Structure formats: structure tokens, C-alpha cells
Amino acid sequence: MIEAELKARVHAPETLLRQLDERAVGRAEVYQDTYYDTPDGVLEARDEELRVRTVHGQDETRTVLTFKGARVDEETGSKPEHETRVEDADAVHAMLRGLGYLPVIAFEKRCRNYDFEARGRRMLATLVRVPELDGTFIELETLVDEDELAAALTDVRAVLADLGIDADDLTRELYTDAVRARRAA
């Protein structure tokens, strides 16, 4: 499956929060993300990602292992995504290190997630704050087959526009890159 996703900076988070609350019930969650790569950076060089994410929610804590392939759409950065829930986060971290992967960056994301249907698609809107970065972001995504990507991205853009997000607010900057830059400063 392809994660047809757009990310944008949010200038009026309170207004957007109200609009999202009208569409669905939000879930407050804190993500602990750790990204892995080989010692010589093979995954980054191939535009791939390997991540362990532990999600702390109100009712549960869960961990997912995610692999994202190289971009299939340069304009948006949309990527194939393969994700599975894991029972033991410590074991998965140990396995990845045992296989020769190294943790290259870890950080926290504070999120409010909204699942809803729009334009005939299941959508996930996530309002994001990364404590190390300035500002609030929205990520809006839907999972599709590659042949549906263009139409799905059109729908994602339309929903963002309905939420008052302008095309000028869209960003392809990765949180990993932004956090690295902030830590290097």
C-alpha cells in the first residue's frame, strides 16, 4: 500500500482543532519514534525508512515496526508503507541492533489523531507538535494502491483546503531532518 500523505504547517491550531473535532473524536497520543539505518547509511541513501514507534495513548500503549520504501511521488514524498504491530518493543530494538541496524535518531511527537471518511476514503488526520520544533503541523493521509495515488492525493488536497490549509502551507520537510538540524544548531 502507498501512504498518500500531505503535511502542512498550521497557523491557527485552535481553529483547525475545532474543525477536526466536528469530523471525528480525536485521540491524544504521544509517539516515541526511533529510526534505524545501517552503519553506512544504506537506507537513507535509498530514500527508505525503518522505524520503531511506541504509541502512548489514553487506554493503551502499542508498538509498531514500520518500513517505508522510496518515494513514488516526488512532489508529495508519498511512499509505500509496510507496518506491523509488535508485542515487545525492547525485543524489536534488540533484534534490529542484532541485525546490524543502528538507531540514528529518536524523538517524540505529540499527536491528536482523527479517523474519518471524506471523499469516499478513510482518512487519518494527525495534528502534530514535536517539542524540539517550532509550530504545529497537520498530516493527512489515506492508504491506497499505487494506481490510485494521483486521485487520492487530489482528495487529500481537497480535504486540506476544506480545513483551511493553503497549498503554500504544505511542506515536504521531514521531522527527522528538522530535529537533526535543530540539534546541530
Foldseek 3Di string as FASTA:
>chain_A
DKKLKWKFFDPDVVLLVVVLVVFFAKWKKKKKKWWKAAPVRPQVVQQKTWIWIWIDTPPDIWIKTKIWGFAPDVVGRITDMDMDTDDDSVVVVVVCVVVRIDGPDIFMKTWIWGWGDDPNFTKIWIWIDTPLDDGIMIMIIGDDPPVCNVVRNVRSVVVCVVSVTDPVRIDNDDPVVVNVVSVVD
